[in-house]
Amino acid sequence: MIRFLAAYDTPDDPEVFDRHYREVHIPLAKKLPGLRRYTISRNPAPTRDREAYYLIAELDWDNETDLQHAFQTPEGRATADDVAKLAPTDKVRTMVYELEDALR
């Protein structure tokens, strides 16, 4: 599995952000081809010296090829373009990484 993670800092207007995320962004992202799982985490508590993120989104695909394909589709471009409406680039951090089951 491969995961795309987006971590959002506290927005300038949380109410506007939450409404847009719920009503626009989630429906767009749910159309991404090959998407296996989409979770969001709210109200994280910091465990070190850094302020906690406001919202963390995790999107999973079977492999990196499927993820790359998803973001090359019209649905993927629309989802990526919508992030710019949600948050300035300095308010969101993204990364892609492989998942490995450490309990095995």
PDB file of N, CA and C in Angstrom:
ATOM      1  N   MET A   1       0.845  -1.189   0.000  1.00  0.00           N
ATOM      2  CA  MET A   1       0.000   0.000   0.000  1.00  0.00           C
ATOM      3  C   MET A   1       0.883   1.242   0.000  1.00  0.00           C
ATOM      4  N   ILE A   2       0.326   2.288  -0.562  1.00  0.00           N
ATOM      5  CA  ILE A   2       1.003   3.585  -0.576  1.00  0.00           C
ATOM      6  C   ILE A   2       0.026   4.612  -0.013  1.00  0.00           C
ATOM      7  N   ARG A   3       0.553   5.557   0.742  1.00  0.00           N
ATOM      8  CA  ARG A   3      -0.308   6.547   1.397  1.00  0.00           C
ATOM      9  C   ARG A   3       0.101   7.952   0.985  1.00  0.00           C
ATOM     10  N   PHE A   4      -0.913   8.771   0.721  1.00  0.00           N
ATOM     11  CA  PHE A   4      -0.745  10.203   0.523  1.00  0.00           C
ATOM     12  C   PHE A   4      -1.261  10.864   1.790  1.00  0.00           C
ATOM     13  N   LEU A   5      -0.432  11.684   2.404  1.00  0.00           N
ATOM     14  CA  LEU A   5      -0.802  12.350   3.648  1.00  0.00           C
ATOM     15  C   LEU A   5      -0.801  13.853   3.438  1.00  0.00           C
ATOM     16  N   ALA A   6      -1.836  14.505   3.923  1.00  0.00           N
ATOM     17  CA  ALA A   6      -1.918  15.977   3.907  1.00  0.00           C
ATOM     18  C   ALA A   6      -2.177  16.434   5.333  1.00  0.00           C
ATOM     19  N   ALA A   7      -1.301  17.265   5.860  1.00  0.00           N
ATOM     20  CA  ALA A   7      -1.425  17.779   7.226  1.00  0.00           C
ATOM     21  C   ALA A   7      -1.634  19.285   7.142  1.00  0.00           C
ATOM     22  N   TYR A   8      -2.778  19.720   7.649  1.00  0.00           N
ATOM     23  CA  TYR A   8      -3.168  21.127   7.565  1.00  0.00           C
ATOM     24  C   TYR A   8      -2.934  21.837   8.891  1.00  0.00           C
ATOM     25  N   ASP A   9      -2.302  23.010   8.835  1.00  0.00           N
ATOM     26  CA  ASP A   9      -2.197  23.880  10.002  1.00  0.00           C
ATOM     27  C   ASP A   9      -3.558  24.523  10.257  1.00  0.00           C
ATOM     28  N   THR A  10      -3.708  25.129  11.402  1.00  0.00           N
ATOM     29  CA  THR A  10      -4.965  25.780  11.744  1.00  0.00           C
ATOM     30  C   THR A  10      -5.269  26.873  10.722  1.00  0.00           C
ATOM     31  N   PRO A  11      -6.446  26.800  10.100  1.00  0.00           N
ATOM     32  CA  PRO A  11      -6.786  27.808   9.090  1.00  0.00           C
ATOM     33  C   PRO A  11      -7.142  29.142   9.735  1.00  0.00           C
ATOM     34  N   ASP A  12      -7.107  30.193   8.927  1.00  0.00           N
ATOM     35  CA  ASP A  12      -7.478  31.518   9.419  1.00  0.00           C
ATOM     36  C   ASP A  12      -8.937  31.554   9.864  1.00  0.00           C
ATOM     37  N   ASP A  13      -9.794  30.828   9.146  1.00  0.00           N
ATOM     38  CA  ASP A  13     -11.214  30.762   9.493  1.00  0.00           C
ATOM     39  C   ASP A  13     -11.627  29.286   9.531  1.00  0.00           C
ATOM     40  N   PRO A  14     -11.528  28.642  10.690  1.00  0.00           N
ATOM     41  CA  PRO A  14     -11.831  27.212  10.779  1.00  0.00           C
ATOM     42  C   PRO A  14     -13.236  26.841  10.294  1.00  0.00           C
ATOM     43  N   GLU A  15     -14.222  27.687  10.533  1.00  0.00           N
ATOM     44  CA  GLU A  15     -15.586  27.362  10.114  1.00  0.00           C
ATOM     45  C   GLU A  15     -15.694  27.285   8.587  1.00  0.00           C
ATOM     46  N   VAL A  16     -15.090  28.246   7.898  1.00  0.00           N
ATOM     47  CA  VAL A  16     -15.096  28.253   6.433  1.00  0.00           C
ATOM     48  C   VAL A  16     -14.311  27.059   5.905  1.00  0.00           C
ATOM     49  N   PHE A  17     -13.148  26.789   6.487  1.00  0.00           N
ATOM     50  CA  PHE A  17     -12.333  25.648   6.088  1.00  0.00           C
ATOM     51  C   PHE A  17     -13.112  24.342   6.235  1.00  0.00           C
ATOM     52  N   ASP A  18     -13.708  24.131   7.411  1.00  0.00           N
ATOM     53  CA  ASP A  18     -14.438  22.889   7.672  1.00  0.00           C
ATOM     54  C   ASP A  18     -15.597  22.696   6.694  1.00  0.00           C
ATOM     55  N   ARG A  19     -16.335  23.753   6.433  1.00  0.00           N
ATOM     56  CA  ARG A  19     -17.471  23.656   5.511  1.00  0.00           C
ATOM     57  C   ARG A  19     -16.982  23.289   4.113  1.00  0.00           C
ATOM     58  N   HIS A  20     -15.930  23.979   3.636  1.00  0.00           N
ATOM     59  CA  HIS A  20     -15.394  23.692   2.303  1.00  0.00           C
ATOM     60  C   HIS A  20     -14.838  22.268   2.253  1.00  0.00           C
ATOM     61  N   TYR A  21     -14.113  21.878   3.274  1.00  0.00           N
ATOM     62  CA  TYR A  21     -13.524  20.531   3.289  1.00  0.00           C
ATOM     63  C   TYR A  21     -14.621  19.469   3.215  1.00  0.00           C
ATOM     64  N   ARG A  22     -15.641  19.634   4.016  1.00  0.00           N
ATOM     65  CA  ARG A  22     -16.734  18.652   4.096  1.00  0.00           C
ATOM     66  C   ARG A  22     -17.605  18.659   2.833  1.00  0.00           C
ATOM     67  N   GLU A  23     -17.957  19.836   2.336  1.00  0.00           N
ATOM     68  CA  GLU A  23     -18.922  19.939   1.246  1.00  0.00           C
ATOM     69  C   GLU A  23     -18.300  19.871  -0.150  1.00  0.00           C
ATOM     70  N   VAL A  24     -17.028  20.240  -0.263  1.00  0.00           N
ATOM     71  CA  VAL A  24     -16.387  20.286  -1.586  1.00  0.00           C
ATOM     72  C   VAL A  24     -15.231  19.297  -1.692  1.00  0.00           C
ATOM     73  N   HIS A  25     -14.276  19.386  -0.773  1.00  0.00           N
ATOM     74  CA  HIS A  25     -13.046  18.617  -0.940  1.00  0.00           C
ATOM     75  C   HIS A  25     -13.248  17.112  -0.768  1.00  0.00           C
ATOM     76  N   ILE A  26     -13.943  16.701   0.258  1.00  0.00           N
ATOM     77  CA  ILE A  26     -14.167  15.263   0.457  1.00  0.00           C
ATOM     78  C   ILE A  26     -14.896  14.647  -0.738  1.00  0.00           C
ATOM     79  N   PRO A  27     -15.993  15.242  -1.221  1.00  0.00           N
ATOM     80  CA  PRO A  27     -16.646  14.655  -2.400  1.00  0.00           C
ATOM     81  C   PRO A  27     -15.731  14.573  -3.626  1.00  0.00           C
ATOM     82  N   LEU A  28     -14.862  15.575  -3.823  1.00  0.00           N
ATOM     83  CA  LEU A  28     -13.904  15.505  -4.935  1.00  0.00           C
ATOM     84  C   LEU A  28     -12.943  14.345  -4.748  1.00  0.00           C
ATOM     85  N   ALA A  29     -12.348  14.239  -3.579  1.00  0.00           N
ATOM     86  CA  ALA A  29     -11.345  13.207  -3.320  1.00  0.00           C
ATOM     87  C   ALA A  29     -11.933  11.803  -3.396  1.00  0.00           C
ATOM     88  N   LYS A  30     -13.171  11.644  -3.007  1.00  0.00           N
ATOM     89  CA  LYS A  30     -13.798  10.321  -3.042  1.00  0.00           C
ATOM     90  C   LYS A  30     -13.956   9.798  -4.471  1.00  0.00           C
ATOM     91  N   LYS A  31     -13.814  10.659  -5.464  1.00  0.00           N
ATOM     92  CA  LYS A  31     -13.905  10.259  -6.870  1.00  0.00           C
ATOM     93  C   LYS A  31     -12.555   9.827  -7.442  1.00  0.00           C
ATOM     94  N   LEU A  32     -11.470   9.922  -6.671  1.00  0.00           N
ATOM     95  CA  LEU A  32     -10.148   9.552  -7.173  1.00  0.00           C
ATOM     96  C   LEU A  32     -10.117   8.065  -7.534  1.00  0.00           C
ATOM     97  N   PRO A  33      -9.717   7.739  -8.764  1.00  0.00           N
ATOM     98  CA  PRO A  33      -9.683   6.341  -9.173  1.00  0.00           C
ATOM     99  C   PRO A  33      -8.719   5.515  -8.308  1.00  0.00           C
ATOM    100  N   GLY A  34      -9.162   4.319  -7.938  1.00  0.00           N
ATOM    101  CA  GLY A  34      -8.312   3.393  -7.203  1.00  0.00           C
ATOM    102  C   GLY A  34      -8.154   3.680  -5.729  1.00  0.00           C
ATOM    103  N   LEU A  35      -8.786   4.725  -5.233  1.00  0.00           N
ATOM    104  CA  LEU A  35      -8.669   5.078  -3.816  1.00  0.00           C
ATOM    105  C   LEU A  35      -9.249   3.949  -2.968  1.00  0.00           C
ATOM    106  N   ARG A  36      -8.457   3.431  -2.033  1.00  0.00           N
ATOM    107  CA  ARG A  36      -8.874   2.314  -1.186  1.00  0.00           C
ATOM    108  C   ARG A  36      -9.411   2.761   0.172  1.00  0.00           C
ATOM    109  N   ARG A  37      -8.847   3.849   0.674  1.00  0.00           N
ATOM    110  CA  ARG A  37      -9.214   4.299   2.017  1.00  0.00           C
ATOM    111  C   ARG A  37      -8.944   5.786   2.111  1.00  0.00           C
ATOM    112  N   TYR A  38      -9.835   6.497   2.812  1.00  0.00           N
ATOM    113  CA  TYR A  38      -9.680   7.935   2.995  1.00  0.00           C
ATOM    114  C   TYR A  38     -10.131   8.242   4.415  1.00  0.00           C
ATOM    115  N   THR A  39      -9.203   8.640   5.258  1.00  0.00           N
ATOM    116  CA  THR A  39      -9.540   8.980   6.633  1.00  0.00           C
ATOM    117  C   THR A  39      -9.049  10.389   6.938  1.00  0.00           C
ATOM    118  N   ILE A  40      -9.764  11.024   7.860  1.00  0.00           N
ATOM    119  CA  ILE A  40      -9.291  12.301   8.377  1.00  0.00           C
ATOM    120  C   ILE A  40      -9.216  12.197   9.891  1.00  0.00           C
ATOM    121  N   SER A  41      -8.263  12.897  10.443  1.00  0.00           N
ATOM    122  CA  SER A  41      -8.070  12.937  11.889  1.00  0.00           C
ATOM    123  C   SER A  41      -8.230  14.373  12.347  1.00  0.00           C
ATOM    124  N   ARG A  42      -9.025  14.553  13.369  1.00  0.00           N
ATOM    125  CA  ARG A  42      -9.271  15.885  13.914  1.00  0.00           C
ATOM    126  C   ARG A  42      -8.815  15.942  15.363  1.00  0.00           C
ATOM    127  N   ASN A  43      -8.598  17.138  15.828  1.00  0.00           N
ATOM    128  CA  ASN A  43      -8.232  17.398  17.222  1.00  0.00           C
ATOM    129  C   ASN A  43      -6.994  16.638  17.688  1.00  0.00           C
ATOM    130  N   PRO A  44      -5.943  16.612  16.870  1.00  0.00           N
ATOM    131  CA  PRO A  44      -4.726  15.945  17.335  1.00  0.00           C
ATOM    132  C   PRO A  44      -4.092  16.710  18.492  1.00  0.00           C
ATOM    133  N   ALA A  45      -3.452  15.989  19.373  1.00  0.00           N
ATOM    134  CA  ALA A  45      -2.765  16.600  20.512  1.00  0.00           C
ATOM    135  C   ALA A  45      -1.258  16.506  20.280  1.00  0.00           C
ATOM    136  N   PRO A  46      -0.545  17.603  20.474  1.00  0.00           N
ATOM    137  CA  PRO A  46       0.905  17.553  20.263  1.00  0.00           C
ATOM    138  C   PRO A  46       1.579  16.688  21.326  1.00  0.00           C
ATOM    139  N   THR A  47       2.637  16.021  20.915  1.00  0.00           N
ATOM    140  CA  THR A  47       3.399  15.201  21.856  1.00  0.00           C
ATOM    141  C   THR A  47       4.832  15.701  22.016  1.00  0.00           C
ATOM    142  N   ARG A  48       5.193  16.676  21.241  1.00  0.00           N
ATOM    143  CA  ARG A  48       6.521  17.293  21.337  1.00  0.00           C
ATOM    144  C   ARG A  48       6.356  18.802  21.360  1.00  0.00           C
ATOM    145  N   ASP A  49       7.376  19.516  20.957  1.00  0.00           N
ATOM    146  CA  ASP A  49       7.372  20.973  21.057  1.00  0.00           C
ATOM    147  C   ASP A  49       6.589  21.699  19.969  1.00  0.00           C
ATOM    148  N   ARG A  50       6.175  21.005  18.925  1.00  0.00           N
ATOM    149  CA  ARG A  50       5.489  21.665  17.816  1.00  0.00           C
ATOM    150  C   ARG A  50       3.981  21.723  18.064  1.00  0.00           C
ATOM    151  N   GLU A  51       3.352  22.779  17.573  1.00  0.00           N
ATOM    152  CA  GLU A  51       1.895  22.891  17.639  1.00  0.00           C
ATOM    153  C   GLU A  51       1.271  21.770  16.796  1.00  0.00           C
ATOM    154  N   ALA A  52       0.176  21.212  17.253  1.00  0.00           N
ATOM    155  CA  ALA A  52      -0.494  20.134  16.532  1.00  0.00           C
ATOM    156  C   ALA A  52      -1.111  20.650  15.237  1.00  0.00           C
ATOM    157  N   TYR A  53      -1.239  19.758  14.265  1.00  0.00           N
ATOM    158  CA  TYR A  53      -1.949  20.098  13.036  1.00  0.00           C
ATOM    159  C   TYR A  53      -3.438  20.232  13.334  1.00  0.00           C
ATOM    160  N   TYR A  54      -4.123  20.931  12.485  1.00  0.00           N
ATOM    161  CA  TYR A  54      -5.568  21.120  12.623  1.00  0.00           C
ATOM    162  C   TYR A  54      -6.322  19.884  12.118  1.00  0.00           C
ATOM    163  N   LEU A  55      -5.889  19.386  10.949  1.00  0.00           N
ATOM    164  CA  LEU A  55      -6.534  18.234  10.327  1.00  0.00           C
ATOM    165  C   LEU A  55      -5.486  17.451   9.563  1.00  0.00           C
ATOM    166  N   ILE A  56      -5.591  16.141   9.610  1.00  0.00           N
ATOM    167  CA  ILE A  56      -4.693  15.263   8.860  1.00  0.00           C
ATOM    168  C   ILE A  56      -5.553  14.351   8.003  1.00  0.00           C
ATOM    169  N   ALA A  57      -5.259  14.305   6.719  1.00  0.00           N
ATOM    170  CA  ALA A  57      -5.972  13.424   5.789  1.00  0.00           C
ATOM    171  C   ALA A  57      -5.002  12.353   5.293  1.00  0.00           C
ATOM    172  N   GLU A  58      -5.482  11.113   5.258  1.00  0.00           N
ATOM    173  CA  GLU A  58      -4.678   9.993   4.776  1.00  0.00           C
ATOM    174  C   GLU A  58      -5.468   9.267   3.699  1.00  0.00           C
ATOM    175  N   LEU A  59      -4.863   9.150   2.523  1.00  0.00           N
ATOM    176  CA  LEU A  59      -5.504   8.501   1.389  1.00  0.00           C
ATOM    177  C   LEU A  59      -4.609   7.359   0.929  1.00  0.00           C
ATOM    178  N   ASP A  60      -5.187   6.164   0.784  1.00  0.00           N
ATOM    179  CA  ASP A  60      -4.413   4.967   0.461  1.00  0.00           C
ATOM    180  C   ASP A  60      -4.780   4.392  -0.902  1.00  0.00           C
ATOM    181  N   TRP A  61      -3.743   3.925  -1.606  1.00  0.00           N
ATOM    182  CA  TRP A  61      -3.880   3.195  -2.867  1.00  0.00           C
ATOM    183  C   TRP A  61      -3.096   1.902  -2.764  1.00  0.00           C
ATOM    184  N   ASP A  62      -3.325   0.992  -3.704  1.00  0.00           N
ATOM    185  CA  ASP A  62      -2.614  -0.281  -3.708  1.00  0.00           C
ATOM    186  C   ASP A  62      -1.117  -0.101  -3.958  1.00  0.00           C
ATOM    187  N   ASN A  63      -0.763   0.858  -4.823  1.00  0.00           N
ATOM    188  CA  ASN A  63       0.644   1.054  -5.162  1.00  0.00           C
ATOM    189  C   ASN A  63       0.852   2.472  -5.695  1.00  0.00           C
ATOM    190  N   GLU A  64       2.108   2.827  -5.878  1.00  0.00           N
ATOM    191  CA  GLU A  64       2.436   4.188  -6.310  1.00  0.00           C
ATOM    192  C   GLU A  64       1.940   4.479  -7.718  1.00  0.00           C
ATOM    193  N   THR A  65       1.953   3.482  -8.589  1.00  0.00           N
ATOM    194  CA  THR A  65       1.452   3.672  -9.949  1.00  0.00           C
ATOM    195  C   THR A  65      -0.016   4.084  -9.928  1.00  0.00           C
ATOM    196  N   ASP A  66      -0.817   3.412  -9.096  1.00  0.00           N
ATOM    197  CA  ASP A  66      -2.235   3.755  -8.990  1.00  0.00           C
ATOM    198  C   ASP A  66      -2.427   5.168  -8.439  1.00  0.00           C
ATOM    199  N   LEU A  67      -1.629   5.551  -7.447  1.00  0.00           N
ATOM    200  CA  LEU A  67      -1.715   6.899  -6.878  1.00  0.00           C
ATOM    201  C   LEU A  67      -1.375   7.941  -7.939  1.00  0.00           C
ATOM    202  N   GLN A  68      -0.269   7.734  -8.645  1.00  0.00           N
ATOM    203  CA  GLN A  68       0.138   8.696  -9.674  1.00  0.00           C
ATOM    204  C   GLN A  68      -0.921   8.812 -10.761  1.00  0.00           C
ATOM    205  N   HIS A  69      -1.467   7.671 -11.166  1.00  0.00           N
ATOM    206  CA  HIS A  69      -2.529   7.689 -12.182  1.00  0.00           C
ATOM    207  C   HIS A  69      -3.733   8.497 -11.693  1.00  0.00           C
ATOM    208  N   ALA A  70      -4.114   8.279 -10.433  1.00  0.00           N
ATOM    209  CA  ALA A  70      -5.285   8.963  -9.878  1.00  0.00           C
ATOM    210  C   ALA A  70      -5.147  10.477  -9.972  1.00  0.00           C
ATOM    211  N   PHE A  71      -3.954  10.998  -9.687  1.00  0.00           N
ATOM    212  CA  PHE A  71      -3.768  12.450  -9.704  1.00  0.00           C
ATOM    213  C   PHE A  71      -3.551  13.010 -11.103  1.00  0.00           C
ATOM    214  N   GLN A  72      -3.408  12.133 -12.108  1.00  0.00           N
ATOM    215  CA  GLN A  72      -3.295  12.588 -13.490  1.00  0.00           C
ATOM    216  C   GLN A  72      -4.651  12.656 -14.188  1.00  0.00           C
ATOM    217  N   THR A  73      -5.687  12.146 -13.540  1.00  0.00           N
ATOM    218  CA  THR A  73      -7.029  12.171 -14.108  1.00  0.00           C
ATOM    219  C   THR A  73      -7.673  13.543 -13.863  1.00  0.00           C
ATOM    220  N   PRO A  74      -8.769  13.841 -14.552  1.00  0.00           N
ATOM    221  CA  PRO A  74      -9.476  15.099 -14.265  1.00  0.00           C
ATOM    222  C   PRO A  74      -9.906  15.203 -12.802  1.00  0.00           C
ATOM    223  N   GLU A  75     -10.332  14.074 -12.214  1.00  0.00           N
ATOM    224  CA  GLU A  75     -10.718  14.080 -10.803  1.00  0.00           C
ATOM    225  C   GLU A  75      -9.529  14.404  -9.908  1.00  0.00           C
ATOM    226  N   GLY A  76      -8.373  13.869 -10.252  1.00  0.00           N
ATOM    227  CA  GLY A  76      -7.168  14.128  -9.471  1.00  0.00           C
ATOM    228  C   GLY A  76      -6.716  15.566  -9.572  1.00  0.00           C
ATOM    229  N   ARG A  77      -6.769  16.113 -10.769  1.00  0.00           N
ATOM    230  CA  ARG A  77      -6.383  17.515 -10.944  1.00  0.00           C
ATOM    231  C   ARG A  77      -7.346  18.434 -10.207  1.00  0.00           C
ATOM    232  N   ALA A  78      -8.640  18.113 -10.256  1.00  0.00           N
ATOM    233  CA  ALA A  78      -9.631  18.941  -9.550  1.00  0.00           C
ATOM    234  C   ALA A  78      -9.403  18.883  -8.044  1.00  0.00           C
ATOM    235  N   THR A  79      -9.082  17.707  -7.528  1.00  0.00           N
ATOM    236  CA  THR A  79      -8.831  17.551  -6.092  1.00  0.00           C
ATOM    237  C   THR A  79      -7.579  18.332  -5.695  1.00  0.00           C
ATOM    238  N   ALA A  80      -6.513  18.188  -6.460  1.00  0.00           N
ATOM    239  CA  ALA A  80      -5.272  18.906  -6.156  1.00  0.00           C
ATOM    240  C   ALA A  80      -5.471  20.417  -6.262  1.00  0.00           C
ATOM    241  N   ASP A  81      -6.185  20.868  -7.286  1.00  0.00           N
ATOM    242  CA  ASP A  81      -6.442  22.309  -7.440  1.00  0.00           C
ATOM    243  C   ASP A  81      -7.266  22.851  -6.274  1.00  0.00           C
ATOM    244  N   ASP A  82      -8.146  22.024  -5.731  1.00  0.00           N
ATOM    245  CA  ASP A  82      -8.996  22.482  -4.636  1.00  0.00           C
ATOM    246  C   ASP A  82      -8.196  22.733  -3.357  1.00  0.00           C
ATOM    247  N   VAL A  83      -7.072  22.061  -3.194  1.00  0.00           N
ATOM    248  CA  VAL A  83      -6.246  22.287  -1.997  1.00  0.00           C
ATOM    249  C   VAL A  83      -5.811  23.745  -1.930  1.00  0.00           C
ATOM    250  N   ALA A  84      -5.531  24.351  -3.079  1.00  0.00           N
ATOM    251  CA  ALA A  84      -5.136  25.764  -3.101  1.00  0.00           C
ATOM    252  C   ALA A  84      -6.263  26.666  -2.600  1.00  0.00           C
ATOM    253  N   LYS A  85      -7.503  26.228  -2.776  1.00  0.00           N
ATOM    254  CA  LYS A  85      -8.638  27.000  -2.267  1.00  0.00           C
ATOM    255  C   LYS A  85      -8.800  26.800  -0.766  1.00  0.00           C
ATOM    256  N   LEU A  86      -8.402  25.627  -0.286  1.00  0.00           N
ATOM    257  CA  LEU A  86      -8.513  25.309   1.138  1.00  0.00           C
ATOM    258  C   LEU A  86      -7.456  25.994   1.983  1.00  0.00           C
ATOM    259  N   ALA A  87      -6.218  25.963   1.500  1.00  0.00           N
ATOM    260  CA  ALA A  87      -5.111  26.414   2.349  1.00  0.00           C
ATOM    261  C   ALA A  87      -3.956  26.940   1.507  1.00  0.00           C
ATOM    262  N   PRO A  88      -3.330  28.015   1.950  1.00  0.00           N
ATOM    263  CA  PRO A  88      -2.099  28.473   1.291  1.00  0.00           C
ATOM    264  C   PRO A  88      -1.013  27.402   1.445  1.00  0.00           C
ATOM    265  N   THR A  89      -0.037  27.428   0.550  1.00  0.00           N
ATOM    266  CA  THR A  89       1.001  26.390   0.573  1.00  0.00           C
ATOM    267  C   THR A  89       1.750  26.324   1.893  1.00  0.00           C
ATOM    268  N   ASP A  90       1.828  27.424   2.620  1.00  0.00           N
ATOM    269  CA  ASP A  90       2.534  27.382   3.900  1.00  0.00           C
ATOM    270  C   ASP A  90       1.657  26.828   5.032  1.00  0.00           C
ATOM    271  N   LYS A  91       0.402  26.474   4.734  1.00  0.00           N
ATOM    272  CA  LYS A  91      -0.513  25.943   5.754  1.00  0.00           C
ATOM    273  C   LYS A  91      -0.841  24.465   5.550  1.00  0.00           C
ATOM    274  N   VAL A  92      -0.231  23.834   4.555  1.00  0.00           N
ATOM    275  CA  VAL A  92      -0.473  22.408   4.319  1.00  0.00           C
ATOM    276  C   VAL A  92       0.844  21.736   3.918  1.00  0.00           C
ATOM    277  N   ARG A  93       1.068  20.567   4.473  1.00  0.00           N
ATOM    278  CA  ARG A  93       2.246  19.769   4.139  1.00  0.00           C
ATOM    279  C   ARG A  93       1.760  18.431   3.615  1.00  0.00           C
ATOM    280  N   THR A  94       2.383  17.961   2.542  1.00  0.00           N
ATOM    281  CA  THR A  94       1.979  16.683   1.963  1.00  0.00           C
ATOM    282  C   THR A  94       3.185  15.789   1.794  1.00  0.00           C
ATOM    283  N   MET A  95       2.920  14.499   1.788  1.00  0.00           N
ATOM    284  CA  MET A  95       3.976  13.519   1.512  1.00  0.00           C
ATOM    285  C   MET A  95       3.339  12.216   1.077  1.00  0.00           C
ATOM    286  N   VAL A  96       4.135  11.393   0.419  1.00  0.00           N
ATOM    287  CA  VAL A  96       3.715  10.068  -0.028  1.00  0.00           C
ATOM    288  C   VAL A  96       4.710   9.081   0.540  1.00  0.00           C
ATOM    289  N   TYR A  97       4.191   7.965   1.059  1.00  0.00           N
ATOM    290  CA  TYR A  97       5.085   6.947   1.599  1.00  0.00           C
ATOM    291  C   TYR A  97       4.442   5.569   1.535  1.00  0.00           C
ATOM    292  N   GLU A  98       5.303   4.551   1.568  1.00  0.00           N
ATOM    293  CA  GLU A  98       4.843   3.160   1.565  1.00  0.00           C
ATOM    294  C   GLU A  98       4.441   2.746   2.962  1.00  0.00           C
ATOM    295  N   LEU A  99       3.424   1.898   3.038  1.00  0.00           N
ATOM    296  CA  LEU A  99       2.991   1.356   4.322  1.00  0.00           C
ATOM    297  C   LEU A  99       3.597  -0.037   4.494  1.00  0.00           C
ATOM    298  N   GLU A 100       4.038  -0.291   5.686  1.00  0.00           N
ATOM    299  CA  GLU A 100       4.609  -1.590   6.020  1.00  0.00           C
ATOM    300  C   GLU A 100       4.007  -2.026   7.347  1.00  0.00           C
ATOM    301  N   ASP A 101       3.534  -3.241   7.427  1.00  0.00           N
ATOM    302  CA  ASP A 101       2.948  -3.762   8.652  1.00  0.00           C
ATOM    303  C   ASP A 101       4.066  -4.179   9.602  1.00  0.00           C
ATOM    304  N   ALA A 102       4.290  -3.403  10.635  1.00  0.00           N
ATOM    305  CA  ALA A 102       5.371  -3.665  11.584  1.00  0.00           C
ATOM    306  C   ALA A 102       5.015  -4.743  12.604  1.00  0.00           C
ATOM    307  N   LEU A 103       3.760  -5.162  12.637  1.00  0.00           N
ATOM    308  CA  LEU A 103       3.361  -6.197  13.593  1.00  0.00           C
ATOM    309  C   LEU A 103       3.605  -7.609  13.077  1.00  0.00           C
ATOM    310  N   ARG A 104       4.005  -7.729  11.854  1.00  0.00           N
ATOM    311  CA  ARG A 104       4.262  -9.062  11.293  1.00  0.00           C
ATOM    312  C   ARG A 104       5.615  -9.551  11.677  1.00  0.00           C
TER     313      ARG A 104
END
